[in-house]
Amino acid sequence: PIKPGLEPVLHAIDQFEKHLLQISTYDNFLMDPDVYERVISHHIGCKIGTETVRQELNQEISDMEEIMEREARQLGPYSSWAEAIESQPMPPLPEDGLIGLYRKEVLALEEHCIEKGMVKKDLLRSCPVCVEPVPSSLTAIRSAAAYSMPPGYPPRGGTFYILDSEVSGRQ
């Protein structure tokens, strides 16, 4: 039996299901060009065109893949950088737990990127990455990790939020 007051809810869910079944799906998601343009100009606010963004992103992806493959070859006889990453053992947790581990790794990544010439120290000083526990008010809606970057160009850094059950339990 349907409990009183639930009939409109069940009807709405049925309507939602019918609507979802009518929507076409995609194997490869490509954002609508108008939405893409709006994201670049209004949300990111970098004041450059979509074609420039596309070219820069493709170049950056290509450069990073090349660097990652080169680094993977230095680690051992791996067929890809993804295989090299998967083969790495999980490090022991430091005294300050998962948050401390992420902070340590962010610092190590910063040093690595400087050493390999991927970024300059000035960029890291002006665009720091903080690692913090997910605020208790957001634990119900955040995944295990989420990066938050304030809007604007040039970027000013951001916060990498980690859902650490030990820290969350104390808040």
N, C-alpha and C. Protein backbone atom coordinates (compact mmCIF):
# COMPACT_ATOMS: atom_id res chain seq x y z
N PRO A 1 0.83 -1.21 0.00
CA PRO A 1 0.00 0.00 0.00
C PRO A 1 0.87 1.26 0.00
N ILE A 2 0.36 2.27 -0.68
CA ILE A 2 1.07 3.56 -0.75
C ILE A 2 0.69 4.39 0.46
N LYS A 3 1.71 4.89 1.16
CA LYS A 3 1.47 5.72 2.34
C LYS A 3 0.89 7.05 1.89
N PRO A 4 0.07 7.66 2.74
CA PRO A 4 -0.52 8.97 2.38
C PRO A 4 0.57 10.00 2.07
N GLY A 5 0.36 10.75 1.01
CA GLY A 5 1.30 11.80 0.64
C GLY A 5 2.38 11.35 -0.32
N LEU A 6 2.55 10.03 -0.50
CA LEU A 6 3.62 9.54 -1.39
C LEU A 6 3.19 9.45 -2.85
N GLU A 7 1.90 9.44 -3.10
CA GLU A 7 1.45 9.29 -4.48
C GLU A 7 2.01 10.36 -5.41
N PRO A 8 1.99 11.65 -5.04
CA PRO A 8 2.58 12.67 -5.93
C PRO A 8 4.09 12.45 -6.14
N VAL A 9 4.77 11.97 -5.11
CA VAL A 9 6.22 11.71 -5.23
C VAL A 9 6.46 10.59 -6.22
N LEU A 10 5.71 9.49 -6.08
CA LEU A 10 5.88 8.35 -7.00
C LEU A 10 5.53 8.75 -8.43
N HIS A 11 4.51 9.60 -8.59
CA HIS A 11 4.15 10.09 -9.92
C HIS A 11 5.29 10.92 -10.51
N ALA A 12 5.89 11.79 -9.69
CA ALA A 12 7.01 12.61 -10.15
C ALA A 12 8.20 11.74 -10.55
N ILE A 13 8.46 10.69 -9.78
CA ILE A 13 9.57 9.78 -10.11
C ILE A 13 9.28 9.06 -11.42
N ASP A 14 8.04 8.64 -11.63
CA ASP A 14 7.66 7.99 -12.90
C ASP A 14 7.85 8.95 -14.07
N GLN A 15 7.45 10.20 -13.90
CA GLN A 15 7.61 11.20 -14.96
C GLN A 15 9.09 11.44 -15.25
N PHE A 16 9.88 11.51 -14.19
CA PHE A 16 11.32 11.70 -14.34
C PHE A 16 11.94 10.53 -15.11
N GLU A 17 11.53 9.31 -14.77
CA GLU A 17 12.03 8.12 -15.48
C GLU A 17 11.67 8.19 -16.96
N LYS A 18 10.41 8.55 -17.27
CA LYS A 18 9.99 8.66 -18.68
C LYS A 18 10.85 9.70 -19.40
N HIS A 19 11.10 10.81 -18.73
CA HIS A 19 11.93 11.87 -19.33
C HIS A 19 13.36 11.37 -19.59
N LEU A 20 13.94 10.68 -18.60
CA LEU A 20 15.31 10.15 -18.77
C LEU A 20 15.39 9.15 -19.91
N LEU A 21 14.36 8.32 -20.07
CA LEU A 21 14.36 7.32 -21.14
C LEU A 21 14.28 7.96 -22.52
N GLN A 22 13.77 9.18 -22.61
CA GLN A 22 13.65 9.87 -23.89
C GLN A 22 14.91 10.64 -24.28
N ILE A 23 15.79 10.88 -23.31
CA ILE A 23 17.00 11.66 -23.58
C ILE A 23 18.02 10.79 -24.29
N SER A 24 18.62 11.33 -25.37
CA SER A 24 19.65 10.55 -26.05
C SER A 24 20.93 10.54 -25.23
N THR A 25 21.66 9.45 -25.37
CA THR A 25 22.92 9.31 -24.65
C THR A 25 24.07 9.39 -25.64
N TYR A 26 25.25 9.61 -25.09
CA TYR A 26 26.44 9.75 -25.92
C TYR A 26 27.52 8.81 -25.43
N ASP A 27 28.25 8.22 -26.36
CA ASP A 27 29.41 7.41 -25.97
C ASP A 27 30.59 8.30 -25.62
N ASN A 28 30.70 9.43 -26.29
CA ASN A 28 31.81 10.34 -26.07
C ASN A 28 31.21 11.72 -25.84
N PHE A 29 31.31 12.23 -24.63
CA PHE A 29 30.70 13.51 -24.31
C PHE A 29 31.52 14.66 -24.87
N LEU A 30 30.88 15.48 -25.65
CA LEU A 30 31.47 16.74 -26.10
C LEU A 30 30.49 17.84 -25.73
N MET A 31 31.00 18.82 -25.04
CA MET A 31 30.16 19.93 -24.61
C MET A 31 29.66 20.72 -25.81
N ASP A 32 28.42 21.17 -25.75
CA ASP A 32 27.85 22.01 -26.78
C ASP A 32 28.73 23.24 -26.93
N PRO A 33 29.08 23.64 -28.16
CA PRO A 33 29.98 24.79 -28.36
C PRO A 33 29.53 26.07 -27.64
N ASP A 34 28.21 26.33 -27.59
CA ASP A 34 27.74 27.53 -26.91
C ASP A 34 28.01 27.45 -25.41
N VAL A 35 27.80 26.26 -24.84
CA VAL A 35 28.05 26.07 -23.41
C VAL A 35 29.55 26.19 -23.15
N TYR A 36 30.35 25.60 -24.01
CA TYR A 36 31.81 25.65 -23.89
C TYR A 36 32.29 27.11 -23.90
N GLU A 37 31.77 27.88 -24.83
CA GLU A 37 32.13 29.30 -24.94
C GLU A 37 31.74 30.05 -23.67
N ARG A 38 30.54 29.76 -23.14
CA ARG A 38 30.07 30.41 -21.93
C ARG A 38 30.94 30.05 -20.73
N VAL A 39 31.33 28.78 -20.62
CA VAL A 39 32.18 28.35 -19.51
C VAL A 39 33.51 29.09 -19.56
N ILE A 40 34.10 29.18 -20.74
CA ILE A 40 35.39 29.85 -20.88
C ILE A 40 35.28 31.34 -20.58
N SER A 41 34.31 32.00 -21.18
CA SER A 41 34.27 33.46 -21.03
C SER A 41 33.66 33.92 -19.71
N HIS A 42 32.65 33.22 -19.19
CA HIS A 42 31.97 33.70 -17.98
C HIS A 42 32.45 33.04 -16.70
N HIS A 43 32.69 31.75 -16.74
CA HIS A 43 33.03 31.04 -15.51
C HIS A 43 34.53 31.01 -15.24
N ILE A 44 35.31 30.75 -16.26
CA ILE A 44 36.76 30.74 -16.08
C ILE A 44 37.29 32.17 -16.15
N GLY A 45 36.71 32.97 -17.02
CA GLY A 45 37.05 34.38 -17.09
C GLY A 45 38.44 34.67 -17.62
N CYS A 46 38.95 33.82 -18.52
CA CYS A 46 40.32 34.01 -18.97
C CYS A 46 40.43 34.93 -20.18
N LYS A 47 39.31 35.35 -20.74
CA LYS A 47 39.27 36.33 -21.82
C LYS A 47 40.06 35.92 -23.07
N ILE A 48 40.09 34.62 -23.34
CA ILE A 48 40.66 34.14 -24.60
C ILE A 48 39.62 33.27 -25.28
N GLY A 49 39.75 33.09 -26.59
CA GLY A 49 38.77 32.34 -27.35
C GLY A 49 38.84 30.84 -27.17
N THR A 50 37.78 30.18 -27.58
CA THR A 50 37.71 28.72 -27.41
C THR A 50 38.79 27.99 -28.20
N GLU A 51 39.11 28.48 -29.38
CA GLU A 51 40.12 27.79 -30.18
C GLU A 51 41.49 27.88 -29.51
N THR A 52 41.80 29.02 -28.94
CA THR A 52 43.07 29.18 -28.20
C THR A 52 43.10 28.25 -27.00
N VAL A 53 41.99 28.18 -26.27
CA VAL A 53 41.91 27.27 -25.12
C VAL A 53 42.11 25.83 -25.58
N ARG A 54 41.43 25.45 -26.65
CA ARG A 54 41.53 24.09 -27.18
C ARG A 54 42.98 23.76 -27.56
N GLN A 55 43.63 24.68 -28.26
CA GLN A 55 45.02 24.45 -28.68
C GLN A 55 45.94 24.33 -27.47
N GLU A 56 45.77 25.22 -26.49
CA GLU A 56 46.62 25.18 -25.30
C GLU A 56 46.40 23.89 -24.51
N LEU A 57 45.14 23.49 -24.37
CA LEU A 57 44.85 22.25 -23.63
C LEU A 57 45.44 21.03 -24.34
N ASN A 58 45.27 20.96 -25.65
CA ASN A 58 45.83 19.84 -26.41
C ASN A 58 47.34 19.80 -26.31
N GLN A 59 47.98 20.97 -26.38
CA GLN A 59 49.43 21.03 -26.26
C GLN A 59 49.87 20.61 -24.86
N GLU A 60 49.15 21.08 -23.84
CA GLU A 60 49.48 20.72 -22.47
C GLU A 60 49.30 19.22 -22.23
N ILE A 61 48.22 18.67 -22.74
CA ILE A 61 48.00 17.22 -22.60
C ILE A 61 49.12 16.45 -23.27
N SER A 62 49.48 16.85 -24.47
CA SER A 62 50.55 16.18 -25.20
C SER A 62 51.88 16.28 -24.45
N ASP A 63 52.20 17.48 -23.96
CA ASP A 63 53.45 17.68 -23.22
C ASP A 63 53.47 16.82 -21.95
N MET A 64 52.37 16.81 -21.22
CA MET A 64 52.31 16.05 -19.96
C MET A 64 52.39 14.55 -20.21
N GLU A 65 51.73 14.06 -21.27
CA GLU A 65 51.82 12.63 -21.58
C GLU A 65 53.25 12.24 -21.92
N GLU A 66 53.93 13.09 -22.66
CA GLU A 66 55.33 12.83 -23.01
C GLU A 66 56.20 12.77 -21.75
N ILE A 67 56.01 13.73 -20.86
CA ILE A 67 56.77 13.76 -19.60
C ILE A 67 56.46 12.53 -18.76
N MET A 68 55.19 12.18 -18.66
CA MET A 68 54.79 11.04 -17.84
C MET A 68 55.35 9.73 -18.40
N GLU A 69 55.35 9.59 -19.71
CA GLU A 69 55.92 8.38 -20.31
C GLU A 69 57.42 8.31 -20.04
N ARG A 70 58.11 9.45 -20.16
CA ARG A 70 59.55 9.49 -19.90
C ARG A 70 59.83 9.11 -18.44
N GLU A 71 59.05 9.66 -17.52
CA GLU A 71 59.22 9.35 -16.10
C GLU A 71 58.93 7.87 -15.82
N ALA A 72 57.92 7.32 -16.47
CA ALA A 72 57.58 5.90 -16.26
C ALA A 72 58.72 5.01 -16.72
N ARG A 73 59.36 5.37 -17.82
CA ARG A 73 60.51 4.57 -18.30
C ARG A 73 61.66 4.60 -17.31
N GLN A 74 61.81 5.72 -16.57
CA GLN A 74 62.87 5.81 -15.57
C GLN A 74 62.56 4.96 -14.34
N LEU A 75 61.28 4.71 -14.07
CA LEU A 75 60.89 3.90 -12.92
C LEU A 75 61.09 2.40 -13.17
N GLY A 76 61.02 2.00 -14.42
CA GLY A 76 61.18 0.57 -14.72
C GLY A 76 60.61 0.23 -16.08
N PRO A 77 60.56 -1.06 -16.38
CA PRO A 77 60.10 -1.50 -17.71
C PRO A 77 58.57 -1.57 -17.80
N TYR A 78 57.91 -0.42 -17.70
CA TYR A 78 56.45 -0.39 -17.74
C TYR A 78 55.98 -0.07 -19.15
N SER A 79 54.83 -0.62 -19.50
CA SER A 79 54.30 -0.38 -20.84
C SER A 79 53.63 0.99 -20.96
N SER A 80 53.28 1.59 -19.82
CA SER A 80 52.65 2.91 -19.86
C SER A 80 52.85 3.61 -18.51
N TRP A 81 52.59 4.91 -18.49
CA TRP A 81 52.69 5.63 -17.23
C TRP A 81 51.61 5.17 -16.25
N ALA A 82 50.44 4.77 -16.77
CA ALA A 82 49.37 4.29 -15.89
C ALA A 82 49.81 3.01 -15.17
N GLU A 83 50.48 2.12 -15.89
CA GLU A 83 50.99 0.88 -15.28
C GLU A 83 52.05 1.20 -14.23
N ALA A 84 52.89 2.19 -14.51
CA ALA A 84 53.92 2.59 -13.56
C ALA A 84 53.28 3.12 -12.27
N ILE A 85 52.24 3.91 -12.40
CA ILE A 85 51.56 4.46 -11.22
C ILE A 85 50.91 3.34 -10.41
N GLU A 86 50.23 2.43 -11.09
CA GLU A 86 49.57 1.33 -10.40
C GLU A 86 50.55 0.42 -9.66
N SER A 87 51.79 0.35 -10.12
CA SER A 87 52.77 -0.55 -9.51
C SER A 87 53.40 0.03 -8.24
N GLN A 88 53.18 1.32 -8.00
CA GLN A 88 53.83 1.96 -6.85
C GLN A 88 53.13 1.54 -5.55
N PRO A 89 53.91 1.18 -4.52
CA PRO A 89 53.29 0.78 -3.25
C PRO A 89 52.68 1.97 -2.52
N MET A 90 51.65 1.70 -1.74
CA MET A 90 51.01 2.74 -0.93
C MET A 90 51.96 3.12 0.20
N PRO A 91 52.28 4.41 0.36
CA PRO A 91 53.19 4.81 1.44
C PRO A 91 52.51 4.70 2.81
N PRO A 92 53.30 4.54 3.87
CA PRO A 92 52.70 4.50 5.20
C PRO A 92 52.14 5.88 5.56
N LEU A 93 51.06 5.90 6.35
CA LEU A 93 50.46 7.17 6.75
C LEU A 93 51.32 7.85 7.79
N PRO A 94 51.58 9.16 7.64
CA PRO A 94 52.33 9.90 8.66
C PRO A 94 51.47 10.12 9.90
N GLU A 95 52.07 10.74 10.89
CA GLU A 95 51.39 11.01 12.17
C GLU A 95 50.07 11.75 11.99
N ASP A 96 50.04 12.73 11.06
CA ASP A 96 48.80 13.49 10.86
C ASP A 96 47.86 12.85 9.83
N GLY A 97 48.02 11.55 9.59
CA GLY A 97 47.07 10.78 8.80
C GLY A 97 47.02 11.10 7.32
N LEU A 98 45.84 10.87 6.75
CA LEU A 98 45.65 11.03 5.32
C LEU A 98 45.88 12.47 4.86
N ILE A 99 45.46 13.43 5.67
CA ILE A 99 45.67 14.84 5.33
C ILE A 99 47.17 15.12 5.20
N GLY A 100 47.94 14.62 6.17
CA GLY A 100 49.39 14.80 6.14
C GLY A 100 50.03 14.13 4.93
N LEU A 101 49.52 12.95 4.58
CA LEU A 101 50.05 12.24 3.40
C LEU A 101 49.82 13.07 2.14
N TYR A 102 48.62 13.61 2.00
CA TYR A 102 48.33 14.43 0.81
C TYR A 102 49.17 15.70 0.81
N ARG A 103 49.32 16.34 1.97
CA ARG A 103 50.15 17.55 2.04
C ARG A 103 51.58 17.24 1.62
N LYS A 104 52.11 16.13 2.13
CA LYS A 104 53.48 15.71 1.79
C LYS A 104 53.59 15.46 0.28
N GLU A 105 52.59 14.80 -0.29
CA GLU A 105 52.63 14.51 -1.73
C GLU A 105 52.48 15.76 -2.58
N VAL A 106 51.66 16.71 -2.14
CA VAL A 106 51.54 17.97 -2.87
C VAL A 106 52.89 18.69 -2.90
N LEU A 107 53.57 18.72 -1.76
CA LEU A 107 54.90 19.34 -1.71
C LEU A 107 55.89 18.60 -2.60
N ALA A 108 55.84 17.26 -2.58
CA ALA A 108 56.73 16.47 -3.43
C ALA A 108 56.43 16.73 -4.91
N LEU A 109 55.15 16.84 -5.26
CA LEU A 109 54.78 17.13 -6.65
C LEU A 109 55.25 18.52 -7.06
N GLU A 110 55.13 19.48 -6.14
CA GLU A 110 55.61 20.84 -6.45
C GLU A 110 57.11 20.80 -6.75
N GLU A 111 57.89 20.15 -5.88
CA GLU A 111 59.34 20.05 -6.08
C GLU A 111 59.67 19.33 -7.38
N HIS A 112 58.95 18.25 -7.65
CA HIS A 112 59.17 17.49 -8.88
C HIS A 112 58.90 18.36 -10.11
N CYS A 113 57.79 19.09 -10.09
CA CYS A 113 57.44 19.93 -11.23
C CYS A 113 58.45 21.06 -11.45
N ILE A 114 58.99 21.60 -10.36
CA ILE A 114 60.03 22.62 -10.47
C ILE A 114 61.29 22.00 -11.05
N GLU A 115 61.68 20.86 -10.49
CA GLU A 115 62.90 20.18 -10.93
C GLU A 115 62.86 19.80 -12.41
N LYS A 116 61.69 19.40 -12.89
CA LYS A 116 61.55 18.97 -14.29
C LYS A 116 61.25 20.14 -15.23
N GLY A 117 61.16 21.35 -14.67
CA GLY A 117 60.93 22.52 -15.51
C GLY A 117 59.49 22.69 -15.97
N MET A 118 58.56 22.01 -15.32
CA MET A 118 57.16 22.13 -15.72
C MET A 118 56.53 23.41 -15.20
N VAL A 119 56.98 23.89 -14.03
CA VAL A 119 56.49 25.14 -13.47
C VAL A 119 57.65 25.89 -12.83
N LYS A 120 57.46 27.17 -12.64
CA LYS A 120 58.47 27.98 -11.97
C LYS A 120 58.04 28.21 -10.52
N LYS A 121 59.03 28.45 -9.65
CA LYS A 121 58.74 28.68 -8.23
C LYS A 121 57.78 29.85 -8.03
N ASP A 122 57.90 30.88 -8.87
CA ASP A 122 57.01 32.04 -8.74
C ASP A 122 55.54 31.63 -8.88
N LEU A 123 55.26 30.72 -9.80
CA LEU A 123 53.89 30.27 -9.99
C LEU A 123 53.38 29.57 -8.73
N LEU A 124 54.19 28.73 -8.13
CA LEU A 124 53.77 28.02 -6.93
C LEU A 124 53.57 28.96 -5.75
N ARG A 125 54.38 30.02 -5.68
CA ARG A 125 54.19 31.00 -4.60
C ARG A 125 52.89 31.79 -4.79
N SER A 126 52.57 32.12 -6.04
CA SER A 126 51.37 32.91 -6.30
C SER A 126 50.11 32.05 -6.43
N CYS A 127 50.30 30.75 -6.54
CA CYS A 127 49.17 29.85 -6.79
C CYS A 127 49.30 28.61 -5.91
N PRO A 128 49.31 28.77 -4.57
CA PRO A 128 49.54 27.62 -3.70
C PRO A 128 48.37 26.65 -3.66
N VAL A 129 48.68 25.39 -3.40
CA VAL A 129 47.66 24.37 -3.21
C VAL A 129 47.64 24.01 -1.73
N CYS A 130 46.52 24.23 -1.08
CA CYS A 130 46.35 23.87 0.32
C CYS A 130 45.65 22.52 0.39
N VAL A 131 45.93 21.75 1.41
CA VAL A 131 45.25 20.48 1.63
C VAL A 131 44.55 20.57 2.97
N GLU A 132 43.25 20.39 2.96
CA GLU A 132 42.44 20.54 4.17
C GLU A 132 41.40 19.43 4.23
N PRO A 133 40.93 19.11 5.43
CA PRO A 133 39.82 18.16 5.51
C PRO A 133 38.54 18.79 4.95
N VAL A 134 37.67 17.97 4.40
CA VAL A 134 36.38 18.46 3.92
C VAL A 134 35.65 19.04 5.13
N PRO A 135 35.13 20.27 5.03
CA PRO A 135 34.38 20.83 6.15
C PRO A 135 33.20 19.92 6.51
N SER A 136 32.92 19.79 7.78
CA SER A 136 31.86 18.87 8.23
C SER A 136 30.53 19.17 7.56
N SER A 137 30.28 20.44 7.22
CA SER A 137 29.02 20.80 6.59
C SER A 137 28.90 20.24 5.16
N LEU A 138 30.03 19.82 4.58
CA LEU A 138 30.00 19.32 3.20
C LEU A 138 30.27 17.82 3.08
N THR A 139 30.50 17.13 4.19
CA THR A 139 30.87 15.71 4.10
C THR A 139 29.78 14.86 3.45
N ALA A 140 28.53 15.25 3.59
CA ALA A 140 27.45 14.46 3.01
C ALA A 140 27.36 14.59 1.50
N ILE A 141 27.92 15.67 0.93
CA ILE A 141 27.78 15.89 -0.51
C ILE A 141 29.10 15.86 -1.27
N ARG A 142 30.22 15.67 -0.59
CA ARG A 142 31.53 15.64 -1.25
C ARG A 142 32.00 14.20 -1.41
N SER A 143 32.74 13.98 -2.48
CA SER A 143 33.36 12.67 -2.64
C SER A 143 34.60 12.61 -1.74
N ALA A 144 35.38 11.56 -1.88
CA ALA A 144 36.55 11.38 -1.01
C ALA A 144 37.55 12.51 -1.15
N ALA A 145 37.62 13.13 -2.31
CA ALA A 145 38.55 14.23 -2.52
C ALA A 145 37.96 15.18 -3.56
N ALA A 146 38.18 16.47 -3.37
CA ALA A 146 37.67 17.46 -4.31
C ALA A 146 38.58 18.68 -4.29
N TYR A 147 38.81 19.24 -5.47
CA TYR A 147 39.65 20.43 -5.57
C TYR A 147 38.76 21.64 -5.79
N SER A 148 39.01 22.69 -5.05
CA SER A 148 38.25 23.92 -5.18
C SER A 148 39.22 25.05 -5.52
N MET A 149 38.96 25.70 -6.63
CA MET A 149 39.83 26.78 -7.07
C MET A 149 38.98 28.04 -7.21
N PRO A 150 39.39 29.14 -6.57
CA PRO A 150 38.60 30.36 -6.72
C PRO A 150 38.61 30.82 -8.17
N PRO A 151 37.50 31.41 -8.63
CA PRO A 151 37.45 31.85 -10.02
C PRO A 151 38.40 33.01 -10.28
N GLY A 152 38.69 33.21 -11.54
CA GLY A 152 39.51 34.35 -11.94
C GLY A 152 40.75 33.92 -12.68
N TYR A 153 41.31 34.88 -13.37
CA TYR A 153 42.53 34.64 -14.12
C TYR A 153 43.46 35.81 -13.88
N PRO A 154 44.72 35.64 -13.57
CA PRO A 154 45.37 34.34 -13.45
C PRO A 154 44.92 33.62 -12.18
N PRO A 155 45.11 32.30 -12.14
CA PRO A 155 44.68 31.54 -10.96
C PRO A 155 45.44 31.98 -9.71
N ARG A 156 44.81 31.78 -8.56
CA ARG A 156 45.41 32.18 -7.29
C ARG A 156 45.61 30.99 -6.36
N GLY A 157 45.54 29.79 -6.88
CA GLY A 157 45.69 28.62 -6.03
C GLY A 157 44.35 28.03 -5.70
N GLY A 158 44.35 27.11 -4.75
CA GLY A 158 43.10 26.47 -4.39
C GLY A 158 43.29 25.54 -3.22
N THR A 159 42.23 24.82 -2.91
CA THR A 159 42.25 23.90 -1.78
C THR A 159 41.86 22.52 -2.25
N PHE A 160 42.67 21.55 -1.87
CA PHE A 160 42.37 20.15 -2.15
C PHE A 160 41.75 19.60 -0.88
N TYR A 161 40.45 19.31 -0.93
CA TYR A 161 39.74 18.81 0.24
C TYR A 161 39.78 17.28 0.27
N ILE A 162 40.14 16.75 1.42
CA ILE A 162 40.25 15.30 1.61
C ILE A 162 39.23 14.87 2.66
N LEU A 163 38.48 13.82 2.34
CA LEU A 163 37.56 13.26 3.32
C LEU A 163 38.34 12.24 4.14
N ASP A 164 38.72 12.65 5.33
CA ASP A 164 39.51 11.80 6.23
C ASP A 164 38.59 11.41 7.38
N SER A 165 38.24 10.13 7.45
CA SER A 165 37.25 9.69 8.44
C SER A 165 37.70 9.99 9.87
N GLU A 166 38.99 9.94 10.15
CA GLU A 166 39.46 10.25 11.50
C GLU A 166 39.22 11.72 11.83
N VAL A 167 39.54 12.62 10.87
CA VAL A 167 39.34 14.05 11.10
C VAL A 167 37.86 14.35 11.14
N SER A 168 37.08 13.77 10.21
CA SER A 168 35.63 14.03 10.14
C SER A 168 34.94 13.61 11.42
N GLY A 169 35.38 12.52 12.01
CA GLY A 169 34.77 12.02 13.24
C GLY A 169 35.01 12.94 14.43
N ARG A 170 36.09 13.73 14.39
CA ARG A 170 36.43 14.64 15.49
C ARG A 170 35.74 15.98 15.37
N GLN A 171 35.24 16.31 14.19
CA GLN A 171 34.65 17.65 13.99
C GLN A 171 33.26 17.71 14.59
